[in-house]
């Protein structure tokens, strides 16, 4: 058994986004390297792929029945804000604040443990939501929670 380690050299979690235009899929968006922003300062990352359920009871059974409904997929994270990725972005991709504020469809790729040849990732498209920057005396840099509300399915791949 091999664990997915993220605590040694080159095995870091990495999130790339591209909101520069409409693409056929996230793979096409990630190929447009000049407009891909690597989100720096990730602190916590949670990937949720949660199929919904519908439950019902019938008078002719002692047990409950259940069936699945479409999944709610999202990536939740906390990041330390960086001036460039938050405000400026890349060549054709605006910063995280503008992407969120303008409700722009974003393509993403999340690398589980590194981004070199052979490393695994998930990708998809969605909207940035839940942006709420905070600062306080105990944490004198701006941090923010952020969620990517995925539109459709996650797609997995290997670089």
C-alpha atoms as a PDB file:
ATOM      1  CA  UNK A   1       0.000   0.000   0.000  1.00  0.00           C
ATOM      2  CA  UNK A   2       1.268   3.466  -0.874  1.00  0.00           C
ATOM      3  CA  UNK A   3       0.073   6.559   0.944  1.00  0.00           C
ATOM      4  CA  UNK A   4      -0.364   9.903  -0.815  1.00  0.00           C
ATOM      5  CA  UNK A   5       2.326  11.915   0.959  1.00  0.00           C
ATOM      6  CA  UNK A   6       2.491  15.701   0.741  1.00  0.00           C
ATOM      7  CA  UNK A   7       5.245  16.347   3.274  1.00  0.00           C
ATOM      8  CA  UNK A   8       8.464  15.937   1.326  1.00  0.00           C
ATOM      9  CA  UNK A   9      10.222  17.638  -1.580  1.00  0.00           C
ATOM     10  CA  UNK A  10       8.167  17.921  -4.789  1.00  0.00           C
ATOM     11  CA  UNK A  11       5.102  16.217  -3.257  1.00  0.00           C
ATOM     12  CA  UNK A  12       3.111  19.370  -2.666  1.00  0.00           C
ATOM     13  CA  UNK A  13      -0.600  19.916  -3.239  1.00  0.00           C
ATOM     14  CA  UNK A  14      -1.049  22.314  -6.151  1.00  0.00           C
ATOM     15  CA  UNK A  15      -4.144  24.086  -7.463  1.00  0.00           C
ATOM     16  CA  UNK A  16      -4.119  25.629 -10.949  1.00  0.00           C
ATOM     17  CA  UNK A  17      -7.028  27.711 -12.288  1.00  0.00           C
ATOM     18  CA  UNK A  18      -7.855  29.316 -15.629  1.00  0.00           C
ATOM     19  CA  UNK A  19     -10.823  31.665 -16.059  1.00  0.00           C
ATOM     20  CA  UNK A  20      -9.679  33.303 -19.293  1.00  0.00           C
ATOM     21  CA  UNK A  21     -12.397  31.946 -21.577  1.00  0.00           C
ATOM     22  CA  UNK A  22     -14.797  29.168 -22.472  1.00  0.00           C
ATOM     23  CA  UNK A  23     -13.155  25.835 -23.170  1.00  0.00           C
ATOM     24  CA  UNK A  24     -14.433  22.405 -24.124  1.00  0.00           C
ATOM     25  CA  UNK A  25     -13.069  21.012 -20.840  1.00  0.00           C
ATOM     26  CA  UNK A  26     -10.553  21.637 -18.065  1.00  0.00           C
ATOM     27  CA  UNK A  27      -7.816  19.761 -19.928  1.00  0.00           C
ATOM     28  CA  UNK A  28      -8.025  22.267 -22.795  1.00  0.00           C
ATOM     29  CA  UNK A  29      -7.976  25.156 -20.302  1.00  0.00           C
ATOM     30  CA  UNK A  30      -4.871  23.810 -18.542  1.00  0.00           C
ATOM     31  CA  UNK A  31      -3.097  23.468 -21.908  1.00  0.00           C
ATOM     32  CA  UNK A  32      -3.343  27.257 -22.295  1.00  0.00           C
ATOM     33  CA  UNK A  33      -0.361  27.631 -19.938  1.00  0.00           C
ATOM     34  CA  UNK A  34       0.025  31.422 -20.248  1.00  0.00           C
ATOM     35  CA  UNK A  35      -3.381  31.978 -18.596  1.00  0.00           C
ATOM     36  CA  UNK A  36      -3.069  29.389 -15.819  1.00  0.00           C
ATOM     37  CA  UNK A  37      -2.684  30.757 -12.293  1.00  0.00           C
ATOM     38  CA  UNK A  38      -1.152  28.523  -9.625  1.00  0.00           C
ATOM     39  CA  UNK A  39      -2.915  29.445  -6.387  1.00  0.00           C
ATOM     40  CA  UNK A  40      -0.207  30.021  -3.755  1.00  0.00           C
ATOM     41  CA  UNK A  41      -0.386  29.711   0.026  1.00  0.00           C
ATOM     42  CA  UNK A  42      -2.722  26.731   0.358  1.00  0.00           C
ATOM     43  CA  UNK A  43      -3.318  25.803   3.994  1.00  0.00           C
ATOM     44  CA  UNK A  44      -6.230  23.349   4.100  1.00  0.00           C
ATOM     45  CA  UNK A  45      -7.747  21.539   1.132  1.00  0.00           C
ATOM     46  CA  UNK A  46     -10.859  19.366   1.222  1.00  0.00           C
ATOM     47  CA  UNK A  47     -12.218  17.525  -1.822  1.00  0.00           C
ATOM     48  CA  UNK A  48     -15.905  16.580  -1.521  1.00  0.00           C
ATOM     49  CA  UNK A  49     -17.652  14.257  -3.934  1.00  0.00           C
ATOM     50  CA  UNK A  50     -20.963  13.659  -2.218  1.00  0.00           C
ATOM     51  CA  UNK A  51     -23.819  11.881  -3.956  1.00  0.00           C
ATOM     52  CA  UNK A  52     -27.149  12.980  -2.598  1.00  0.00           C
ATOM     53  CA  UNK A  53     -29.727  10.501  -1.411  1.00  0.00           C
ATOM     54  CA  UNK A  54     -33.475  10.280  -1.405  1.00  0.00           C
ATOM     55  CA  UNK A  55     -34.999   8.121   1.348  1.00  0.00           C
ATOM     56  CA  UNK A  56     -38.503   6.825   1.786  1.00  0.00           C
ATOM     57  CA  UNK A  57     -40.471   4.417   3.903  1.00  0.00           C
ATOM     58  CA  UNK A  58     -43.240   2.095   2.845  1.00  0.00           C
ATOM     59  CA  UNK A  59     -45.992   0.542   4.927  1.00  0.00           C
ATOM     60  CA  UNK A  60     -45.096  -2.958   3.649  1.00  0.00           C
ATOM     61  CA  UNK A  61     -41.472  -2.901   4.879  1.00  0.00           C
ATOM     62  CA  UNK A  62     -39.642  -2.709   8.211  1.00  0.00           C
ATOM     63  CA  UNK A  63     -36.653  -0.994   6.570  1.00  0.00           C
ATOM     64  CA  UNK A  64     -36.127   2.298   4.804  1.00  0.00           C
ATOM     65  CA  UNK A  65     -35.334   2.517   1.071  1.00  0.00           C
ATOM     66  CA  UNK A  66     -32.710   4.782  -0.464  1.00  0.00           C
ATOM     67  CA  UNK A  67     -31.611   5.838  -3.931  1.00  0.00           C
ATOM     68  CA  UNK A  68     -28.949   8.271  -5.032  1.00  0.00           C
ATOM     69  CA  UNK A  69     -29.446  11.680  -6.575  1.00  0.00           C
ATOM     70  CA  UNK A  70     -26.822  13.787  -8.403  1.00  0.00           C
ATOM     71  CA  UNK A  71     -23.570  14.479  -6.548  1.00  0.00           C
ATOM     72  CA  UNK A  72     -22.569  17.768  -5.036  1.00  0.00           C
ATOM     73  CA  UNK A  73     -18.879  18.179  -5.872  1.00  0.00           C
ATOM     74  CA  UNK A  74     -16.648  20.882  -4.459  1.00  0.00           C
ATOM     75  CA  UNK A  75     -13.161  21.766  -3.335  1.00  0.00           C
ATOM     76  CA  UNK A  76     -12.868  23.819  -0.142  1.00  0.00           C
ATOM     77  CA  UNK A  77      -9.613  25.430   0.864  1.00  0.00           C
ATOM     78  CA  UNK A  78      -7.999  28.085   2.976  1.00  0.00           C
ATOM     79  CA  UNK A  79      -5.234  30.208   1.507  1.00  0.00           C
ATOM     80  CA  UNK A  80      -2.848  32.951   2.484  1.00  0.00           C
ATOM     81  CA  UNK A  81      -3.584  35.835   0.131  1.00  0.00           C
ATOM     82  CA  UNK A  82      -0.951  36.797  -2.399  1.00  0.00           C
ATOM     83  CA  UNK A  83      -1.215  40.193  -4.098  1.00  0.00           C
ATOM     84  CA  UNK A  84      -0.701  38.830  -7.628  1.00  0.00           C
ATOM     85  CA  UNK A  85      -3.045  35.830  -7.554  1.00  0.00           C
ATOM     86  CA  UNK A  86      -5.707  37.716  -5.563  1.00  0.00           C
ATOM     87  CA  UNK A  87      -5.838  40.907  -7.672  1.00  0.00           C
ATOM     88  CA  UNK A  88      -3.895  40.523 -10.920  1.00  0.00           C
ATOM     89  CA  UNK A  89      -3.995  36.879 -12.040  1.00  0.00           C
ATOM     90  CA  UNK A  90      -2.142  35.833 -15.199  1.00  0.00           C
ATOM     91  CA  UNK A  91      -2.064  37.213 -18.761  1.00  0.00           C
ATOM     92  CA  UNK A  92      -5.693  36.525 -19.695  1.00  0.00           C
ATOM     93  CA  UNK A  93      -6.938  35.291 -16.339  1.00  0.00           C
ATOM     94  CA  UNK A  94      -8.084  37.826 -13.729  1.00  0.00           C
ATOM     95  CA  UNK A  95      -7.275  37.422 -10.046  1.00  0.00           C
ATOM     96  CA  UNK A  96      -9.285  35.370  -7.559  1.00  0.00           C
ATOM     97  CA  UNK A  97     -11.215  38.416  -6.297  1.00  0.00           C
ATOM     98  CA  UNK A  98     -12.377  39.414  -9.799  1.00  0.00           C
ATOM     99  CA  UNK A  99     -13.185  35.809 -10.796  1.00  0.00           C
ATOM    100  CA  UNK A 100     -15.360  35.460  -7.684  1.00  0.00           C
ATOM    101  CA  UNK A 101     -16.940  38.909  -7.957  1.00  0.00           C
ATOM    102  CA  UNK A 102     -17.799  38.466 -11.651  1.00  0.00           C
ATOM    103  CA  UNK A 103     -19.125  34.915 -11.186  1.00  0.00           C
ATOM    104  CA  UNK A 104     -16.774  33.665 -13.929  1.00  0.00           C
ATOM    105  CA  UNK A 105     -16.715  29.981 -14.848  1.00  0.00           C
ATOM    106  CA  UNK A 106     -13.293  28.685 -13.812  1.00  0.00           C
ATOM    107  CA  UNK A 107     -11.401  25.620 -14.923  1.00  0.00           C
ATOM    108  CA  UNK A 108      -9.205  23.960 -12.314  1.00  0.00           C
ATOM    109  CA  UNK A 109      -6.726  21.162 -11.827  1.00  0.00           C
ATOM    110  CA  UNK A 110      -5.795  19.950  -8.340  1.00  0.00           C
ATOM    111  CA  UNK A 111      -2.612  17.903  -8.085  1.00  0.00           C
ATOM    112  CA  UNK A 112      -2.715  15.539  -5.097  1.00  0.00           C
ATOM    113  CA  UNK A 113       1.029  15.298  -4.429  1.00  0.00           C
ATOM    114  CA  UNK A 114       3.248  17.050  -6.952  1.00  0.00           C
ATOM    115  CA  UNK A 115       2.872  18.115 -10.568  1.00  0.00           C
ATOM    116  CA  UNK A 116       5.581  16.246 -12.425  1.00  0.00           C
ATOM    117  CA  UNK A 117       5.177  13.453 -14.967  1.00  0.00           C
ATOM    118  CA  UNK A 118       3.226  10.553 -13.494  1.00  0.00           C
ATOM    119  CA  UNK A 119       1.524  12.572 -10.737  1.00  0.00           C
ATOM    120  CA  UNK A 120      -2.241  12.292 -10.294  1.00  0.00           C
ATOM    121  CA  UNK A 121      -4.778  15.100 -10.420  1.00  0.00           C
ATOM    122  CA  UNK A 122      -8.473  15.858 -10.569  1.00  0.00           C
ATOM    123  CA  UNK A 123      -9.895  18.595 -12.755  1.00  0.00           C
ATOM    124  CA  UNK A 124     -13.152  20.181 -13.758  1.00  0.00           C
ATOM    125  CA  UNK A 125     -14.975  23.466 -14.021  1.00  0.00           C
ATOM    126  CA  UNK A 126     -16.926  25.485 -11.499  1.00  0.00           C
ATOM    127  CA  UNK A 127     -17.386  28.764  -9.723  1.00  0.00           C
ATOM    128  CA  UNK A 128     -15.309  30.318  -6.949  1.00  0.00           C
ATOM    129  CA  UNK A 129     -17.543  30.966  -3.927  1.00  0.00           C
ATOM    130  CA  UNK A 130     -17.297  31.628  -0.213  1.00  0.00           C
ATOM    131  CA  UNK A 131     -14.413  34.089  -0.453  1.00  0.00           C
ATOM    132  CA  UNK A 132     -14.162  35.819   2.940  1.00  0.00           C
ATOM    133  CA  UNK A 133     -10.719  37.363   3.631  1.00  0.00           C
ATOM    134  CA  UNK A 134      -9.826  37.944   7.281  1.00  0.00           C
ATOM    135  CA  UNK A 135      -6.900  39.307   9.254  1.00  0.00           C
ATOM    136  CA  UNK A 136      -6.259  39.559  12.993  1.00  0.00           C
ATOM    137  CA  UNK A 137      -3.381  40.257  15.416  1.00  0.00           C
ATOM    138  CA  UNK A 138      -2.623  36.551  15.839  1.00  0.00           C
ATOM    139  CA  UNK A 139      -2.436  36.064  12.068  1.00  0.00           C
ATOM    140  CA  UNK A 140      -1.058  39.296  10.589  1.00  0.00           C
ATOM    141  CA  UNK A 141      -1.447  38.207   6.975  1.00  0.00           C
ATOM    142  CA  UNK A 142      -4.722  38.035   5.095  1.00  0.00           C
ATOM    143  CA  UNK A 143      -6.185  34.536   4.833  1.00  0.00           C
ATOM    144  CA  UNK A 144      -9.406  33.445   3.182  1.00  0.00           C
ATOM    145  CA  UNK A 145     -11.610  30.416   2.824  1.00  0.00           C
ATOM    146  CA  UNK A 146     -12.522  29.634  -0.777  1.00  0.00           C
ATOM    147  CA  UNK A 147     -14.738  27.016  -2.361  1.00  0.00           C
ATOM    148  CA  UNK A 148     -14.837  25.808  -5.942  1.00  0.00           C
ATOM    149  CA  UNK A 149     -18.446  24.756  -6.532  1.00  0.00           C
ATOM    150  CA  UNK A 150     -17.939  22.195  -9.274  1.00  0.00           C
ATOM    151  CA  UNK A 151     -20.284  22.222 -12.252  1.00  0.00           C
ATOM    152  CA  UNK A 152     -20.557  18.565 -13.230  1.00  0.00           C
ATOM    153  CA  UNK A 153     -18.141  15.761 -12.475  1.00  0.00           C
ATOM    154  CA  UNK A 154     -14.553  15.602 -11.319  1.00  0.00           C
ATOM    155  CA  UNK A 155     -12.280  14.056 -13.955  1.00  0.00           C
ATOM    156  CA  UNK A 156      -9.120  12.314 -12.788  1.00  0.00           C
ATOM    157  CA  UNK A 157      -5.912  11.993 -14.721  1.00  0.00           C
ATOM    158  CA  UNK A 158      -2.163  11.509 -14.635  1.00  0.00           C
ATOM    159  CA  UNK A 159       0.261  14.183 -15.813  1.00  0.00           C
END
